[in-house]
Protein backbone atom coordinates (compact mmCIF):
# COMPACT_ATOMS: atom_id res chain seq x y z
CA UNK A 1 -9.71 -4.26 -13.26
CA UNK A 2 -7.30 -4.46 -10.23
CA UNK A 3 -3.40 -4.46 -10.52
CA UNK A 4 -1.95 -7.85 -10.00
CA UNK A 5 1.32 -7.79 -8.01
CA UNK A 6 4.20 -10.78 -8.00
CA UNK A 7 6.56 -11.44 -5.42
CA UNK A 8 10.05 -12.54 -7.73
CA UNK A 9 9.23 -16.45 -7.98
CA UNK A 10 6.54 -16.13 -9.17
CA UNK A 11 8.10 -13.60 -11.68
CA UNK A 12 10.55 -16.73 -12.41
CA UNK A 13 7.87 -18.59 -13.53
CA UNK A 14 6.02 -16.31 -15.62
CA UNK A 15 9.57 -15.40 -17.14
CA UNK A 16 10.17 -19.38 -17.58
CA UNK A 17 6.58 -19.94 -19.54
CA UNK A 18 7.75 -16.87 -21.61
CA UNK A 19 10.83 -18.57 -22.18
CA UNK A 20 9.68 -21.81 -23.50
CA UNK A 21 7.30 -20.10 -25.44
CA UNK A 22 10.08 -17.87 -27.61
CA UNK A 23 14.05 -17.10 -27.45
CA UNK A 24 15.28 -15.39 -24.01
CA UNK A 25 16.50 -12.60 -26.25
CA UNK A 26 13.29 -11.64 -27.48
CA UNK A 27 12.30 -10.95 -23.92
CA UNK A 28 14.96 -8.87 -22.97
CA UNK A 29 15.45 -7.06 -26.54
CA UNK A 30 11.38 -6.14 -25.80
CA UNK A 31 12.09 -5.44 -22.13
CA UNK A 32 14.76 -2.62 -23.41
CA UNK A 33 12.65 -1.15 -26.33
CA UNK A 34 9.88 -0.29 -23.53
CA UNK A 35 12.72 1.52 -21.49
CA UNK A 36 14.36 3.17 -24.58
CA UNK A 37 11.51 4.95 -24.80
CA UNK A 38 9.97 5.65 -21.42
CA UNK A 39 13.74 7.02 -21.36
CA UNK A 40 12.84 9.21 -24.21
CA UNK A 41 9.97 10.89 -23.03
CA UNK A 42 12.08 11.65 -20.59
CA UNK A 43 14.73 14.01 -22.74
CA UNK A 44 15.01 16.13 -24.88
CA UNK A 45 16.15 16.01 -28.68
CA UNK A 46 19.78 17.01 -27.42
CA UNK A 47 20.29 15.34 -23.98
CA UNK A 48 22.83 12.91 -22.82
CA UNK A 49 23.00 9.98 -21.14
CA UNK A 50 24.29 7.51 -19.02
CA UNK A 51 23.69 4.17 -18.70
CA UNK A 52 24.99 1.91 -15.94
CA UNK A 53 25.12 -2.27 -16.64
CA UNK A 54 25.05 -4.97 -13.91
CA UNK A 55 26.34 -8.05 -14.25
CA UNK A 56 22.83 -10.11 -14.59
CA UNK A 57 20.20 -9.91 -17.24
CA UNK A 58 19.32 -6.39 -15.76
CA UNK A 59 22.60 -5.53 -17.48
CA UNK A 60 21.40 -7.03 -20.69
CA UNK A 61 18.30 -5.10 -20.33
CA UNK A 62 20.96 -1.59 -20.11
CA UNK A 63 22.73 -2.80 -23.25
CA UNK A 64 19.67 -3.14 -25.26
CA UNK A 65 18.20 0.31 -23.72
CA UNK A 66 21.67 2.01 -24.70
CA UNK A 67 21.68 0.27 -28.18
CA UNK A 68 18.32 2.35 -29.06
CA UNK A 69 19.12 5.35 -27.67
CA UNK A 70 21.80 6.09 -29.72
CA UNK A 71 20.26 4.72 -32.92
CA UNK A 72 17.91 7.28 -32.07
CA UNK A 73 20.21 9.96 -32.22
CA UNK A 74 20.95 10.57 -28.14
CA UNK A 75 24.63 10.54 -26.81
CA UNK A 76 25.13 8.00 -24.62
CA UNK A 77 28.14 6.77 -22.59
CA UNK A 78 27.96 3.01 -21.12
CA UNK A 79 29.21 2.04 -17.38
CA UNK A 80 29.42 -1.72 -16.67
CA UNK A 81 30.75 -3.21 -13.54
CA UNK A 82 30.69 -6.86 -13.95
CA UNK A 83 32.73 -10.20 -15.65
CA UNK A 84 32.20 -10.23 -19.13
CA UNK A 85 32.90 -14.00 -19.25
CA UNK A 86 30.24 -14.74 -16.08
CA UNK A 87 27.40 -12.73 -17.97
CA UNK A 88 24.04 -14.82 -18.96
CA UNK A 89 23.92 -15.85 -22.47
CA UNK A 90 21.31 -13.33 -22.87
CA UNK A 91 22.74 -10.32 -21.78
CA UNK A 92 26.31 -11.27 -23.72
CA UNK A 93 24.20 -11.22 -26.74
CA UNK A 94 22.73 -7.82 -25.67
CA UNK A 95 26.37 -6.57 -25.40
CA UNK A 96 27.56 -7.76 -28.59
CA UNK A 97 24.95 -6.24 -30.08
CA UNK A 98 25.76 -2.95 -28.38
CA UNK A 99 29.93 -3.41 -29.49
CA UNK A 100 28.51 -3.75 -32.78
CA UNK A 101 26.18 -0.32 -33.01
CA UNK A 102 29.75 0.99 -31.82
CA UNK A 103 29.25 1.87 -28.25
CA UNK A 104 32.03 -0.06 -26.04
CA UNK A 105 31.01 0.05 -22.46
CA UNK A 106 33.53 1.46 -19.55
CA UNK A 107 33.91 0.54 -16.32
CA UNK A 108 34.75 3.40 -14.79
CA UNK A 109 32.11 5.82 -13.92
CA UNK A 110 32.60 9.76 -14.39
CA UNK A 111 34.05 11.44 -11.82
CA UNK A 112 31.31 14.30 -11.87
CA UNK A 113 27.63 13.13 -13.18
CA UNK A 114 26.59 15.64 -15.52
CA UNK A 115 24.34 13.97 -18.11
CA UNK A 116 20.55 14.73 -18.40
CA UNK A 117 19.75 11.21 -17.54
CA UNK A 118 21.16 8.32 -16.16
CA UNK A 119 19.76 4.40 -16.53
CA UNK A 120 20.42 1.84 -13.62
CA UNK A 121 20.31 -1.54 -14.73
CA UNK A 122 22.56 -2.57 -11.74
CA UNK A 123 20.99 -4.94 -10.07
CA UNK A 124 17.08 -6.04 -10.43
CA UNK A 125 14.50 -8.56 -8.92
CA UNK A 126 17.43 -11.16 -8.05
CA UNK A 127 19.99 -8.82 -5.75
CA UNK A 128 19.42 -10.81 -2.31
CA UNK A 129 22.88 -9.29 -0.48
CA UNK A 130 23.47 -5.93 0.76
CA UNK A 131 25.36 -3.77 -1.91
CA UNK A 132 28.86 -3.23 -1.16
CA UNK A 133 32.00 -2.34 -2.82
CA UNK A 134 32.40 -0.99 -6.38
CA UNK A 135 28.18 -0.83 -6.47
CA UNK A 136 27.31 0.59 -3.48
CA UNK A 137 29.76 3.17 -4.02
CA UNK A 138 28.21 3.63 -7.40
CA UNK A 139 24.68 4.11 -6.23
CA UNK A 140 26.02 6.92 -3.54
CA UNK A 141 27.89 8.66 -6.47
CA UNK A 142 24.41 8.15 -8.63
CA UNK A 143 22.32 9.49 -5.51
CA UNK A 144 24.72 12.24 -5.06
CA UNK A 145 24.67 13.62 -8.53
CA UNK A 146 21.06 15.10 -8.21
CA UNK A 147 20.40 14.17 -12.21
CA UNK A 148 16.64 12.25 -13.05
CA UNK A 149 17.19 8.19 -13.14
CA UNK A 150 15.13 5.90 -14.68
CA UNK A 151 15.13 2.75 -12.95
CA UNK A 152 15.30 -0.74 -15.09
CA UNK A 153 12.88 -2.94 -13.19
CA UNK A 154 13.57 -2.30 -10.00
CA UNK A 155 15.93 0.57 -8.42
CA UNK A 156 18.82 -1.20 -8.16
CA UNK A 157 19.90 -1.97 -4.08
CA UNK A 158 15.68 -2.65 -3.09
CA UNK A 159 14.23 -5.95 -2.29
CA UNK A 160 12.13 -6.40 -4.70
CA UNK A 161 9.55 -8.35 -2.58
CA UNK A 162 9.99 -6.81 0.84
CA UNK A 163 10.76 -2.80 -0.13
CA UNK A 164 14.20 -3.28 2.29
CA UNK A 165 17.01 -1.12 1.35
CA UNK A 166 19.75 -3.63 1.11
CA UNK A 167 22.70 -1.71 2.27
CA UNK A 168 22.06 1.52 -0.18
CA UNK A 169 19.48 1.58 -2.91
CA UNK A 170 18.81 3.79 -5.89
CA UNK A 171 16.74 6.78 -5.44
CA UNK A 172 14.91 7.09 -9.13
CA UNK A 173 13.05 9.28 -10.52
CA UNK A 174 11.04 7.03 -12.62
CA UNK A 175 10.94 3.22 -12.30
CA UNK A 176 9.64 0.54 -15.39
CA UNK A 177 8.96 -2.94 -13.79
CA UNK A 178 8.77 -5.17 -16.56
CA UNK A 179 5.87 -8.19 -16.86
CA UNK A 180 3.76 -7.23 -13.42
CA UNK A 181 4.93 -4.55 -10.36
CA UNK A 182 6.23 -6.10 -7.65
CA UNK A 183 5.38 -5.51 -3.72
CA UNK A 184 8.90 -3.75 -2.92
CA UNK A 185 8.14 -1.23 -5.04
CA UNK A 186 4.51 -0.51 -3.16
CA UNK A 187 5.90 -0.51 0.22
CA UNK A 188 7.72 -0.09 3.29
CA UNK A 189 11.30 1.75 1.53
CA UNK A 190 9.85 1.46 -1.85
CA UNK A 191 7.70 4.15 -2.67
CA UNK A 192 10.38 6.48 -1.36
CA UNK A 193 13.02 5.01 -3.80
CA UNK A 194 10.80 4.43 -7.29
CA UNK A 195 9.54 7.68 -8.38
CA UNK A 196 6.92 7.24 -10.61
CA UNK A 197 6.28 3.88 -12.12
CA UNK A 198 5.08 2.33 -15.19
CA UNK A 199 4.32 -1.31 -15.78
CA UNK A 200 5.76 -3.02 -19.01
CA UNK A 201 3.87 -5.74 -19.40
CA UNK A 202 5.94 -7.27 -22.69
CA UNK A 203 3.31 -8.94 -24.46
CA UNK A 204 2.94 -11.12 -21.66
CA UNK A 205 -1.02 -12.15 -19.80
CA UNK A 206 0.70 -12.45 -16.18
CA UNK A 207 -2.35 -13.70 -14.54
CA UNK A 208 -3.40 -16.11 -17.06
CA UNK A 209 0.33 -17.63 -16.39
CA UNK A 210 -0.23 -17.25 -12.73
CA UNK A 211 -3.32 -16.28 -11.07
CA UNK A 212 -1.76 -13.23 -8.96
CA UNK A 213 -3.05 -14.02 -4.98
CA UNK A 214 -1.82 -9.81 -4.20
CA UNK A 215 -2.92 -6.74 -6.23
CA UNK A 216 -2.87 -3.13 -5.90
CA UNK A 217 -5.88 -1.01 -4.21
CA UNK A 218 -5.43 1.97 -6.77
CA UNK A 219 -9.33 2.67 -6.99
CA UNK A 220 -12.17 1.22 -5.91
CA UNK A 221 -16.08 1.39 -7.08
CA UNK A 222 -17.37 3.07 -4.29
CA UNK A 223 -20.82 2.21 -5.48
CA UNK A 224 -19.86 -1.29 -5.20
CA UNK A 225 -19.52 -1.03 -1.90
CA UNK A 226 -22.35 0.32 -0.33
CA UNK A 227 -25.95 -0.34 -0.86
CA UNK A 228 -27.83 2.29 -3.08
CA UNK A 229 -29.68 4.52 -0.86
CA UNK A 230 -33.39 4.53 -1.06
CA UNK A 231 -35.13 7.42 -0.41
CA UNK A 232 -37.40 5.49 2.08
CA UNK A 233 -35.15 5.28 4.58
CA UNK A 234 -34.49 6.35 8.03
CA UNK A 235 -31.23 5.79 10.02
CA UNK A 236 -32.19 2.56 11.18
CA UNK A 237 -31.28 1.46 7.58
CA UNK A 238 -27.76 2.36 7.91
CA UNK A 239 -26.59 0.55 11.05
CA UNK A 240 -25.29 1.72 14.30
CA UNK A 241 -21.89 1.89 14.97
CA UNK A 242 -20.37 1.48 18.64
CA UNK A 243 -17.29 2.67 19.20
CA UNK A 244 -16.00 1.04 23.02
CA UNK A 245 -12.31 3.30 24.17
CA UNK A 246 -11.48 6.69 25.57
CA UNK A 247 -10.09 6.13 28.62
CA UNK A 248 -8.77 9.08 31.37
CA UNK A 249 -6.35 11.21 28.66
CA UNK A 250 -7.63 9.66 25.39
CA UNK A 251 -10.97 10.20 25.18
CA UNK A 252 -9.92 12.26 21.74
CA UNK A 253 -9.35 9.30 20.26
CA UNK A 254 -12.37 7.38 21.19
CA UNK A 255 -13.98 10.97 19.74
CA UNK A 256 -12.18 10.79 16.25
CA UNK A 257 -13.49 7.18 15.47
CA UNK A 258 -16.88 8.51 16.08
CA UNK A 259 -16.27 11.29 14.47
CA UNK A 260 -15.44 9.60 11.01
CA UNK A 261 -17.85 6.98 11.54
CA UNK A 262 -20.95 9.37 11.31
CA UNK A 263 -19.59 11.47 8.30
CA UNK A 264 -19.00 8.76 6.71
CA UNK A 265 -22.39 7.65 6.63
CA UNK A 266 -22.95 5.26 9.12
CA UNK A 267 -27.35 5.92 10.80
CA UNK A 268 -26.29 6.01 14.58
CA UNK A 269 -22.89 6.60 16.24
CA UNK A 270 -23.12 5.16 19.91
CA UNK A 271 -19.69 5.85 22.13
CA UNK A 272 -19.01 3.80 25.19
CA UNK A 273 -16.02 5.78 27.29
CA UNK A 274 -14.49 4.41 30.06
CA UNK A 275 -13.60 8.00 30.95
CA UNK A 276 -17.43 9.13 31.04
CA UNK A 277 -16.79 12.34 32.24
CA UNK A 278 -17.62 14.14 29.12
CA UNK A 279 -21.07 13.14 27.56
CA UNK A 280 -21.00 15.72 24.73
CA UNK A 281 -19.14 15.97 21.69
CA UNK A 282 -19.52 20.13 21.56
CA UNK A 283 -18.36 19.68 17.55
CA UNK A 284 -21.53 16.72 16.45
CA UNK A 285 -23.88 17.02 18.85
CA UNK A 286 -25.12 13.93 17.01
CA UNK A 287 -23.16 11.45 18.76
CA UNK A 288 -24.37 9.81 21.61
CA UNK A 289 -22.52 8.95 24.52
CA UNK A 290 -23.58 5.79 26.99
CA UNK A 291 -21.90 5.08 30.65
CA UNK A 292 -23.37 1.92 31.23
CA UNK A 293 -21.51 -1.38 30.05
CA UNK A 294 -23.01 -3.25 28.43
CA UNK A 295 -25.44 -1.45 27.47
CA UNK A 296 -28.76 -3.18 25.86
CA UNK A 297 -28.41 -1.53 22.69
CA UNK A 298 -24.99 -3.07 22.20
CA UNK A 299 -26.69 -6.08 21.07
CA UNK A 300 -28.37 -3.79 17.84
CA UNK A 301 -24.41 -3.02 16.62
CA UNK A 302 -24.38 -3.40 12.98
CA UNK A 303 -20.16 -3.19 13.86
CA UNK A 304 -18.47 -2.38 17.21
CA UNK A 305 -14.91 -0.96 17.07
CA UNK A 306 -12.92 -1.12 20.00
CA UNK A 307 -9.66 -0.08 20.55
CA UNK A 308 -9.18 4.36 20.73
CA UNK A 309 -8.38 5.47 22.91
CA UNK A 310 -9.09 2.27 25.54
CA UNK A 311 -6.13 1.71 27.81
CA UNK A 312 -5.29 -1.06 29.27
CA UNK A 313 -6.53 -1.61 32.77
CA UNK A 314 -8.83 -4.62 33.85
CA UNK A 315 -11.86 -2.71 32.81
CA UNK A 316 -10.99 -2.49 29.24
CA UNK A 317 -10.13 -5.77 29.34
CA UNK A 318 -13.53 -7.07 30.60
CA UNK A 319 -15.09 -4.82 27.90
CA UNK A 320 -13.02 -6.04 24.84
CA UNK A 321 -13.87 -9.89 26.48
CA UNK A 322 -17.22 -9.08 26.38
CA UNK A 323 -17.37 -7.87 22.40
CA UNK A 324 -15.00 -10.39 21.17
CA UNK A 325 -17.81 -13.22 22.69
CA UNK A 326 -20.84 -10.97 20.68
CA UNK A 327 -21.86 -12.84 17.28
CA UNK A 328 -21.37 -8.92 15.56
CA UNK A 329 -18.55 -7.41 13.21
CA UNK A 330 -15.96 -6.65 15.41
CA UNK A 331 -12.54 -3.97 14.35
CA UNK A 332 -9.83 -4.52 16.71
CA UNK A 333 -7.39 -1.33 17.05
CA UNK A 334 -4.45 0.02 19.85
CA UNK A 335 -4.73 -1.09 23.23
CA UNK A 336 -7.64 -3.78 22.04
CA UNK A 337 -4.64 -5.67 20.07
CA UNK A 338 -2.43 -5.44 22.79
CA UNK A 339 -4.83 -6.56 24.60
CA UNK A 340 -4.96 -9.72 22.95
CA UNK A 341 -1.53 -10.06 22.65
CA UNK A 342 -1.28 -10.05 25.90
CA UNK A 343 -3.21 -13.30 26.33
CA UNK A 344 -2.92 -16.20 24.22
CA UNK A 345 -6.67 -17.46 25.76
CA UNK A 346 -7.93 -13.99 24.18
CA UNK A 347 -5.84 -14.53 21.48
CA UNK A 348 -7.51 -18.04 20.76
CA UNK A 349 -11.10 -16.16 21.45
CA UNK A 350 -10.87 -13.74 18.76
CA UNK A 351 -9.64 -16.69 16.37
CA UNK A 352 -12.48 -19.09 16.78
CA UNK A 353 -14.91 -16.15 16.95
CA UNK A 354 -17.49 -17.01 13.71
CA UNK A 355 -19.00 -13.37 13.05
CA UNK A 356 -16.37 -10.99 10.71
CA UNK A 357 -12.93 -9.65 12.66
CA UNK A 358 -11.00 -6.91 11.08
CA UNK A 359 -7.37 -5.96 12.67
CA UNK A 360 -5.62 -2.50 12.29
CA UNK A 361 -2.37 -2.99 13.91
CA UNK A 362 0.67 -0.29 13.24
CA UNK A 363 4.10 -2.71 12.90
CA UNK A 364 4.47 -2.62 16.87
CA UNK A 365 1.27 -3.88 17.18
CA UNK A 366 1.34 -6.53 14.78
CA UNK A 367 4.79 -7.64 16.19
CA UNK A 368 3.30 -7.83 19.63
CA UNK A 369 0.71 -10.27 18.21
CA UNK A 370 2.79 -11.90 16.66
CA UNK A 371 5.40 -12.75 18.91
CA UNK A 372 8.66 -11.30 17.05
CA UNK A 373 10.23 -7.45 16.66
CA UNK A 374 8.80 -4.72 15.07
CA UNK A 375 12.04 -4.58 12.35
CA UNK A 376 10.99 -8.30 11.35
CA UNK A 377 7.26 -7.05 10.72
CA UNK A 378 8.88 -4.77 8.35
CA UNK A 379 11.38 -7.08 6.70
CA UNK A 380 8.25 -8.72 5.29
CA UNK A 381 5.30 -6.96 5.51
CA UNK A 382 3.36 -8.91 3.17
CA UNK A 383 4.25 -12.53 5.02
CA UNK A 384 3.72 -10.45 8.59
CA UNK A 385 0.32 -9.48 7.33
CA UNK A 386 -0.62 -12.76 5.50
CA UNK A 387 0.90 -14.15 8.76
CA UNK A 388 -1.69 -12.16 11.06
CA UNK A 389 -4.87 -13.31 9.02
CA UNK A 390 -4.13 -16.73 8.93
CA UNK A 391 -3.65 -16.55 13.41
CA UNK A 392 -6.57 -14.91 13.83
CA UNK A 393 -8.90 -15.82 10.55
CA UNK A 394 -9.45 -12.44 10.12
CA UNK A 395 -9.16 -9.97 8.01
CA UNK A 396 -5.92 -7.44 8.66
CA UNK A 397 -4.27 -3.95 7.52
CA UNK A 398 -0.66 -3.36 8.75
CA UNK A 399 -0.81 -0.24 8.71
CA UNK A 400 2.40 2.01 6.84
CA UNK A 401 3.99 3.11 4.00
CA UNK A 402 2.38 0.64 1.42
CA UNK A 403 -0.56 -0.39 4.14
CA UNK A 404 -0.60 -4.61 3.71
CA UNK A 405 -4.37 -5.70 3.24
CA UNK A 406 -4.71 -9.01 4.08
CA UNK A 407 -7.26 -11.80 4.13
CA UNK A 408 -7.07 -15.38 5.99
CA UNK A 409 -7.64 -16.93 2.37
CA UNK A 410 -4.16 -15.84 1.36
CA UNK A 411 -5.45 -12.28 -0.72
CA UNK A 412 -3.61 -9.63 0.01
CA UNK A 413 -2.92 -6.36 -1.64
CA UNK A 414 -1.18 -3.15 -1.49
CA UNK A 415 -2.44 0.27 -1.32
CA UNK A 416 -1.17 3.17 -2.92
CA UNK A 417 -3.18 6.09 -1.46
CA UNK A 418 -2.26 8.51 1.11
CA UNK A 419 1.11 10.54 1.63
CA UNK A 420 3.54 11.42 4.53
CA UNK A 421 0.96 13.95 5.92
CA UNK A 422 -0.92 10.80 7.58
CA UNK A 423 1.73 9.87 10.20
CA UNK A 424 0.29 11.68 12.68
CA UNK A 425 -2.00 11.40 15.95
CA UNK A 426 -5.18 10.39 15.57
CA UNK A 427 -5.12 8.46 11.88
CA UNK A 428 -5.69 5.30 12.33
CA UNK A 429 -8.60 6.11 14.83
CA UNK A 430 -10.04 7.80 11.77
CA UNK A 431 -9.35 4.88 9.75
CA UNK A 432 -11.29 3.01 12.19
CA UNK A 433 -14.01 5.24 12.49
CA UNK A 434 -14.64 5.25 8.47
CA UNK A 435 -14.44 1.37 8.05
CA UNK A 436 -16.61 0.75 10.74
CA UNK A 437 -19.03 3.28 8.84
CA UNK A 438 -18.34 1.16 6.21
CA UNK A 439 -19.57 -1.72 7.63
CA UNK A 440 -22.16 -0.68 9.39
CA UNK A 441 -23.81 0.13 6.14
CA UNK A 442 -24.34 -3.14 5.33
CA UNK A 443 -21.03 -3.83 2.90
CA UNK A 444 -19.19 -7.24 3.01
CA UNK A 445 -16.04 -6.54 5.95
CA UNK A 446 -12.74 -7.68 3.27
CA UNK A 447 -14.38 -5.35 1.08
CA UNK A 448 -14.84 -2.76 3.64
CA UNK A 449 -11.50 -3.11 5.21
CA UNK A 450 -9.85 -2.66 1.20
CA UNK A 451 -12.21 0.23 0.42
CA UNK A 452 -11.87 2.32 3.49
CA UNK A 453 -7.44 2.27 3.41
CA UNK A 454 -8.09 3.33 0.21
CA UNK A 455 -10.26 6.20 0.77
CA UNK A 456 -8.82 6.82 4.37
CA UNK A 457 -5.39 7.54 2.04
CA UNK A 458 -7.67 9.50 -0.69
CA UNK A 459 -9.08 11.96 1.53
CA UNK A 460 -5.42 12.44 3.15
CA UNK A 461 -4.52 13.05 -1.13
CA UNK A 462 -7.13 15.40 -1.08
CA UNK A 463 -6.06 17.07 2.03
CA UNK A 464 -2.77 17.60 0.53
CA UNK A 465 -3.86 18.84 -2.70
CA UNK A 466 -6.20 21.52 -0.95
CA UNK A 467 -3.02 22.31 1.93
CA UNK A 468 -0.62 22.30 -0.69
CA UNK A 469 1.71 19.94 1.15
CA UNK A 470 1.31 17.62 3.71
CA UNK A 471 2.61 19.53 6.47
CA UNK A 472 0.26 19.72 9.04
CA UNK A 473 -2.31 17.48 7.97
CA UNK A 474 -4.92 16.03 11.03
CA UNK A 475 -6.74 13.10 11.83
CA UNK A 476 -10.06 15.65 11.59
CA UNK A 477 -8.74 16.79 8.18
CA UNK A 478 -8.76 13.55 6.89
CA UNK A 479 -12.65 12.60 8.53
CA UNK A 480 -13.86 15.44 6.57
CA UNK A 481 -12.59 14.79 3.43
CA UNK A 482 -13.24 11.56 3.43
CA UNK A 483 -16.83 12.35 3.44
CA UNK A 484 -16.45 14.34 0.67
CA UNK A 485 -14.18 12.11 -1.12
CA UNK A 486 -17.23 8.89 -0.42
CA UNK A 487 -19.94 10.86 -1.43
CA UNK A 488 -17.06 12.11 -4.89
CA UNK A 489 -16.84 8.23 -5.61
CA UNK A 490 -20.67 7.52 -5.31
CA UNK A 491 -21.36 9.98 -7.93
CA UNK A 492 -23.30 12.06 -5.02
CA UNK A 493 -26.00 12.65 -2.20
CA UNK A 494 -28.00 9.59 -4.23
CA UNK A 495 -27.09 6.14 -5.39
CA UNK A 496 -30.21 4.78 -6.66
CA UNK A 497 -30.56 6.36 -9.89
CA UNK A 498 -33.61 7.71 -9.66
CA UNK A 499 -34.70 11.59 -10.01
CA UNK A 500 -35.70 13.11 -7.17
CA UNK A 501 -37.46 15.78 -9.17
CA UNK A 502 -41.18 15.73 -9.74
CA UNK A 503 -41.39 17.70 -13.30
CA UNK A 504 -44.16 19.22 -14.28
CA UNK A 505 -45.04 20.13 -18.26
């Protein structure tokens, strides 16, 4: 099952429904107990805990955590920064129960933190403004301590919907998030601040209360992406993938996309380069190069990828316009996207296409397509991806930390695979080739994009495992690893379940 992801507004709706069914403190008690059990798994028998509680319900969760850890025999110090008279009723009740257990919070954090674990219950998903004053000072103090941190629901200072840092944010070792996971934990700065994420559903069926539009791409059923290959098949059975790009000085981008398409199973990969001085790929002579454009075989393409190394010349624009007019699945990347952004008429023609269109922008390209700045895109990555999908009636991946895949019908997903080693030249070209190969083999376009993004990140993770780290991973490494990962998740080279051997007895 896909893991649902909820923005803050929907989490509030779920909480309201839960509060209507049971007293509010019961839900807080469940959250605090789940977090205390998570903390206990991070602790040794005699370890000391510093619990930080803020002025809202997140602070109430922290009070419950402290009470349970004390009951289990841990030495617990509690710092409460806020006004007790302004606590929400259930948080005030949790504070009273903490005092009844013999713990009196202090308002002053220790000058030097020597505790074995810090529990961050300062601010939860409702934070809307930058942290400042004593809260910002305390977060900086915690981050400088180097001690393990368990964040409750979300690290304090992180925007739950966008992953933006609100002035300063806790760097957690682990985050236990309540009811369901949130977008900000998985995209932009979230992955750098959340550590390992654990979901505590608190006994609620969130999807039954509010069906999600967002999910995590945390696994794919690869066997459902591609039709099983028959023994009686040939190269024409698995589709022609065309790559259009490769202007002078950027031929390597087209080569990377074409190689990835070949390695991930397209029956034939044909490349039409603007710089046709190199008619052969010495590493993969199986690739076919077609200097003439338009080539008669282009009409037989199962998928056309336009953009890797394309440039923005008049000839590049003409080739793009020809492909946009074709009734063939089309993937646009790199300079193809910049050419679309530069012409409102071309953008209209892309939006009016009747065949599947896939856009694969990075944040700067997304900003050009939307007419906003790159920081504007990054401030709301989910919203930006959805805006692109709606405007161009296309399936979109907004690349970056926690890539966002969005569909025109409003569904969206966050990819959880990949690592910082992918911040290297050519990675986007390889992604194009992977997605194009899945499309060429008959995958549904929306499924092909989600699966291709997941596979791209999985391949990079495999490379990091092989190399012992993320430094020096190349796009070519990822293309090769993607082939291995795809076959692994398909269950081997054959997927039709037939035994290829004839046994004689």
